[in-house]
C-alpha cells in the first residue's frame, strides 16, 4: 500500500513539475522569419515514384 502511495505522489509531482516547466519555458507561436529560413525551389521536391535510400 505504501508503494502505491509513493507512486501516486511521484506521478502528481511529475505532473506539476511538467506543467510548471512548460509554462516557464517561453514556448509560444511566433511568425516565421523568412530571412532565416532556407530557400526552397520546385526542383527540391522529390520525384513521385522515385525511391530514395
PDB file of N, CA and C in Angstrom:
ATOM      1  N   UNK A   1       0.820  -1.189   0.000  1.00  0.00           N
ATOM      2  CA  UNK A   1       0.000   0.000   0.000  1.00  0.00           C
ATOM      3  C   UNK A   1       0.870   1.261   0.000  1.00  0.00           C
ATOM      4  N   UNK A   2       1.949   1.218   0.779  1.00  0.00           N
ATOM      5  CA  UNK A   2       2.833   2.379   0.841  1.00  0.00           C
ATOM      6  C   UNK A   2       3.490   2.627  -0.517  1.00  0.00           C
ATOM      7  N   UNK A   3       3.737   1.545  -1.238  1.00  0.00           N
ATOM      8  CA  UNK A   3       4.337   1.677  -2.568  1.00  0.00           C
ATOM      9  C   UNK A   3       3.382   2.396  -3.517  1.00  0.00           C
ATOM     10  N   UNK A   4       2.103   2.092  -3.440  1.00  0.00           N
ATOM     11  CA  UNK A   4       1.112   2.770  -4.284  1.00  0.00           C
ATOM     12  C   UNK A   4       1.008   4.251  -3.925  1.00  0.00           C
ATOM     13  N   UNK A   5       1.072   4.564  -2.641  1.00  0.00           N
ATOM     14  CA  UNK A   5       1.009   5.963  -2.212  1.00  0.00           C
ATOM     15  C   UNK A   5       2.230   6.723  -2.721  1.00  0.00           C
ATOM     16  N   UNK A   6       3.408   6.121  -2.609  1.00  0.00           N
ATOM     17  CA  UNK A   6       4.620   6.755  -3.117  1.00  0.00           C
ATOM     18  C   UNK A   6       4.575   6.935  -4.630  1.00  0.00           C
ATOM     19  N   UNK A   7       4.083   5.947  -5.335  1.00  0.00           N
ATOM     20  CA  UNK A   7       3.969   6.035  -6.782  1.00  0.00           C
ATOM     21  C   UNK A   7       2.974   7.120  -7.193  1.00  0.00           C
ATOM     22  N   UNK A   8       1.864   7.218  -6.498  1.00  0.00           N
ATOM     23  CA  UNK A   8       0.885   8.272  -6.768  1.00  0.00           C
ATOM     24  C   UNK A   8       1.479   9.649  -6.476  1.00  0.00           C
ATOM     25  N   UNK A   9       2.223   9.773  -5.392  1.00  0.00           N
ATOM     26  CA  UNK A   9       2.882  11.036  -5.071  1.00  0.00           C
ATOM     27  C   UNK A   9       3.902  11.424  -6.134  1.00  0.00           C
ATOM     28  N   UNK A  10       4.653  10.462  -6.624  1.00  0.00           N
ATOM     29  CA  UNK A  10       5.621  10.720  -7.684  1.00  0.00           C
ATOM     30  C   UNK A  10       4.931  11.159  -8.964  1.00  0.00           C
ATOM     31  N   UNK A  11       3.822  10.536  -9.302  1.00  0.00           N
ATOM     32  CA  UNK A  11       3.082  10.904 -10.508  1.00  0.00           C
ATOM     33  C   UNK A  11       2.517  12.320 -10.394  1.00  0.00           C
ATOM     34  N   UNK A  12       2.002  12.673  -9.229  1.00  0.00           N
ATOM     35  CA  UNK A  12       1.477  14.027  -9.027  1.00  0.00           C
ATOM     36  C   UNK A  12       2.612  15.048  -9.106  1.00  0.00           C
ATOM     37  N   UNK A  13       3.742  14.736  -8.465  1.00  0.00           N
ATOM     38  CA  UNK A  13       4.890  15.644  -8.501  1.00  0.00           C
ATOM     39  C   UNK A  13       5.392  15.838  -9.938  1.00  0.00           C
ATOM     40  N   UNK A  14       5.460  14.770 -10.712  1.00  0.00           N
ATOM     41  CA  UNK A  14       5.921  14.863 -12.095  1.00  0.00           C
ATOM     42  C   UNK A  14       4.958  15.682 -12.946  1.00  0.00           C
ATOM     43  N   UNK A  15       3.669  15.513 -12.729  1.00  0.00           N
ATOM     44  CA  UNK A  15       2.673  16.281 -13.484  1.00  0.00           C
ATOM     45  C   UNK A  15       2.774  17.768 -13.173  1.00  0.00           C
ATOM     46  N   UNK A  16       2.880  18.099 -11.901  1.00  0.00           N
ATOM     47  CA  UNK A  16       3.003  19.506 -11.505  1.00  0.00           C
ATOM     48  C   UNK A  16       4.306  20.099 -12.047  1.00  0.00           C
ATOM     49  N   UNK A  17       5.402  19.377 -11.950  1.00  0.00           N
ATOM     50  CA  UNK A  17       6.690  19.869 -12.447  1.00  0.00           C
ATOM     51  C   UNK A  17       6.647  20.086 -13.957  1.00  0.00           C
ATOM     52  N   UNK A  18       5.984  19.197 -14.676  1.00  0.00           N
ATOM     53  CA  UNK A  18       5.865  19.342 -16.128  1.00  0.00           C
ATOM     54  C   UNK A  18       5.068  20.587 -16.480  1.00  0.00           C
ATOM     55  N   UNK A  19       3.957  20.809 -15.814  1.00  0.00           N
ATOM     56  CA  UNK A  19       3.138  21.992 -16.081  1.00  0.00           C
ATOM     57  C   UNK A  19       3.919  23.260 -15.783  1.00  0.00           C
ATOM     58  N   UNK A  20       4.642  23.287 -14.681  1.00  0.00           N
ATOM     59  CA  UNK A  20       5.429  24.470 -14.322  1.00  0.00           C
ATOM     60  C   UNK A  20       6.499  24.736 -15.374  1.00  0.00           C
ATOM     61  N   UNK A  21       7.211  23.717 -15.805  1.00  0.00           N
ATOM     62  CA  UNK A  21       8.284  23.907 -16.782  1.00  0.00           C
ATOM     63  C   UNK A  21       7.746  24.310 -18.146  1.00  0.00           C
ATOM     64  N   UNK A  22       6.628  23.761 -18.563  1.00  0.00           N
ATOM     65  CA  UNK A  22       6.057  24.129 -19.858  1.00  0.00           C
ATOM     66  C   UNK A  22       5.591  25.580 -19.832  1.00  0.00           C
ATOM     67  N   UNK A  23       5.038  26.016 -18.729  1.00  0.00           N
ATOM     68  CA  UNK A  23       4.606  27.428 -18.628  1.00  0.00           C
ATOM     69  C   UNK A  23       5.807  28.363 -18.582  1.00  0.00           C
ATOM     70  N   UNK A  24       6.916  27.911 -18.016  1.00  0.00           N
ATOM     71  CA  UNK A  24       8.070  28.769 -17.820  1.00  0.00           C
ATOM     72  C   UNK A  24       9.028  28.792 -19.015  1.00  0.00           C
ATOM     73  N   UNK A  25       8.924  27.820 -19.933  1.00  0.00           N
ATOM     74  CA  UNK A  25       9.928  27.721 -20.988  1.00  0.00           C
ATOM     75  C   UNK A  25       9.765  28.762 -22.087  1.00  0.00           C
ATOM     76  N   UNK A  26       8.686  29.523 -22.099  1.00  0.00           N
ATOM     77  CA  UNK A  26       8.535  30.606 -23.062  1.00  0.00           C
ATOM     78  C   UNK A  26       8.036  30.158 -24.420  1.00  0.00           C
ATOM     79  N   UNK A  27       7.566  28.935 -24.546  1.00  0.00           N
ATOM     80  CA  UNK A  27       7.067  28.474 -25.834  1.00  0.00           C
ATOM     81  C   UNK A  27       5.799  29.221 -26.198  1.00  0.00           C
ATOM     82  N   UNK A  28       5.771  29.768 -27.380  1.00  0.00           N
ATOM     83  CA  UNK A  28       4.561  30.389 -27.911  1.00  0.00           C
ATOM     84  C   UNK A  28       4.699  30.453 -29.414  1.00  0.00           C
ATOM     85  N   UNK A  29       3.605  30.611 -30.092  1.00  0.00           N
ATOM     86  CA  UNK A  29       3.644  30.705 -31.537  1.00  0.00           C
ATOM     87  C   UNK A  29       4.281  32.030 -31.928  1.00  0.00           C
ATOM     88  N   UNK A  30       5.230  31.952 -32.830  1.00  0.00           N
ATOM     89  CA  UNK A  30       5.863  33.154 -33.359  1.00  0.00           C
ATOM     90  C   UNK A  30       5.871  33.057 -34.873  1.00  0.00           C
ATOM     91  N   UNK A  31       5.760  34.176 -35.560  1.00  0.00           N
ATOM     92  CA  UNK A  31       5.772  34.127 -37.010  1.00  0.00           C
ATOM     93  C   UNK A  31       7.144  33.675 -37.529  1.00  0.00           C
ATOM     94  N   UNK A  32       7.141  33.025 -38.672  1.00  0.00           N
ATOM     95  CA  UNK A  32       8.379  32.549 -39.276  1.00  0.00           C
ATOM     96  C   UNK A  32       9.189  33.716 -39.813  1.00  0.00           C
ATOM     97  N   UNK A  33      10.468  33.725 -39.487  1.00  0.00           N
ATOM     98  CA  UNK A  33      11.382  34.730 -40.036  1.00  0.00           C
ATOM     99  C   UNK A  33      11.916  34.178 -41.350  1.00  0.00           C
ATOM    100  N   UNK A  34      11.313  34.573 -42.449  1.00  0.00           N
ATOM    101  CA  UNK A  34      11.645  34.007 -43.751  1.00  0.00           C
ATOM    102  C   UNK A  34      13.057  34.374 -44.187  1.00  0.00           C
ATOM    103  N   UNK A  35      13.657  35.414 -43.605  1.00  0.00           N
ATOM    104  CA  UNK A  35      15.034  35.744 -43.967  1.00  0.00           C
ATOM    105  C   UNK A  35      16.013  34.714 -43.410  1.00  0.00           C
ATOM    106  N   UNK A  36      15.602  33.947 -42.404  1.00  0.00           N
ATOM    107  CA  UNK A  36      16.474  32.917 -41.820  1.00  0.00           C
ATOM    108  C   UNK A  36      16.144  31.526 -42.322  1.00  0.00           C
ATOM    109  N   UNK A  37      15.013  31.346 -42.991  1.00  0.00           N
ATOM    110  CA  UNK A  37      14.618  30.032 -43.489  1.00  0.00           C
ATOM    111  C   UNK A  37      15.386  29.709 -44.761  1.00  0.00           C
ATOM    112  N   UNK A  38      15.638  28.434 -44.980  1.00  0.00           N
ATOM    113  CA  UNK A  38      16.355  28.007 -46.182  1.00  0.00           C
ATOM    114  C   UNK A  38      15.477  28.225 -47.409  1.00  0.00           C
ATOM    115  N   UNK A  39      16.103  28.680 -48.470  1.00  0.00           N
ATOM    116  CA  UNK A  39      15.365  28.898 -49.720  1.00  0.00           C
ATOM    117  C   UNK A  39      15.008  27.542 -50.324  1.00  0.00           C
ATOM    118  N   UNK A  40      13.815  27.450 -50.861  1.00  0.00           N
ATOM    119  CA  UNK A  40      13.367  26.198 -51.482  1.00  0.00           C
ATOM    120  C   UNK A  40      12.900  26.498 -52.892  1.00  0.00           C
ATOM    121  N   UNK A  41      13.110  25.550 -53.753  1.00  0.00           N
ATOM    122  CA  UNK A  41      12.622  25.689 -55.116  1.00  0.00           C
ATOM    123  C   UNK A  41      11.816  24.451 -55.469  1.00  0.00           C
ATOM    124  N   UNK A  42      11.138  24.489 -56.595  1.00  0.00           N
ATOM    125  CA  UNK A  42      10.304  23.366 -57.016  1.00  0.00           C
ATOM    126  C   UNK A  42      11.163  22.131 -57.257  1.00  0.00           C
ATOM    127  N   UNK A  43      12.390  22.322 -57.702  1.00  0.00           N
ATOM    128  CA  UNK A  43      13.259  21.183 -58.004  1.00  0.00           C
ATOM    129  C   UNK A  43      13.748  20.468 -56.745  1.00  0.00           C
ATOM    130  N   UNK A  44      13.548  21.068 -55.563  1.00  0.00           N
ATOM    131  CA  UNK A  44      13.958  20.416 -54.314  1.00  0.00           C
ATOM    132  C   UNK A  44      13.012  19.285 -53.917  1.00  0.00           C
ATOM    133  N   UNK A  45      11.808  19.280 -54.451  1.00  0.00           N
ATOM    134  CA  UNK A  45      10.824  18.263 -54.086  1.00  0.00           C
ATOM    135  C   UNK A  45      11.208  16.923 -54.721  1.00  0.00           C
ATOM    136  N   UNK A  46      11.045  15.815 -53.999  1.00  0.00           N
ATOM    137  CA  UNK A  46      11.362  14.505 -54.581  1.00  0.00           C
ATOM    138  C   UNK A  46      10.382  14.157 -55.701  1.00  0.00           C
ATOM    139  N   UNK A  47      10.879  13.388 -56.653  1.00  0.00           N
ATOM    140  CA  UNK A  47      10.025  12.979 -57.748  1.00  0.00           C
ATOM    141  C   UNK A  47       9.071  11.894 -57.306  1.00  0.00           C
ATOM    142  N   UNK A  48       7.862  11.912 -57.834  1.00  0.00           N
ATOM    143  CA  UNK A  48       6.883  10.886 -57.489  1.00  0.00           C
ATOM    144  C   UNK A  48       7.346   9.539 -58.026  1.00  0.00           C
ATOM    145  N   UNK A  49       7.280   8.518 -57.216  1.00  0.00           N
ATOM    146  CA  UNK A  49       7.638   7.182 -57.644  1.00  0.00           C
ATOM    147  C   UNK A  49       9.116   6.894 -57.583  1.00  0.00           C
ATOM    148  N   UNK A  50       9.934   7.834 -57.216  1.00  0.00           N
ATOM    149  CA  UNK A  50      11.375   7.622 -57.130  1.00  0.00           C
ATOM    150  C   UNK A  50      11.719   7.190 -55.718  1.00  0.00           C
ATOM    151  N   UNK A  51      12.537   6.175 -55.579  1.00  0.00           N
ATOM    152  CA  UNK A  51      12.897   5.648 -54.258  1.00  0.00           C
ATOM    153  C   UNK A  51      14.231   6.237 -53.851  1.00  0.00           C
ATOM    154  N   UNK A  52      14.259   6.890 -52.692  1.00  0.00           N
ATOM    155  CA  UNK A  52      15.485   7.418 -52.142  1.00  0.00           C
ATOM    156  C   UNK A  52      15.965   6.524 -51.014  1.00  0.00           C
ATOM    157  N   UNK A  53      17.239   6.279 -50.967  1.00  0.00           N
ATOM    158  CA  UNK A  53      17.782   5.433 -49.904  1.00  0.00           C
ATOM    159  C   UNK A  53      18.724   6.204 -49.060  1.00  0.00           C
TER     160      UNK A  53
END
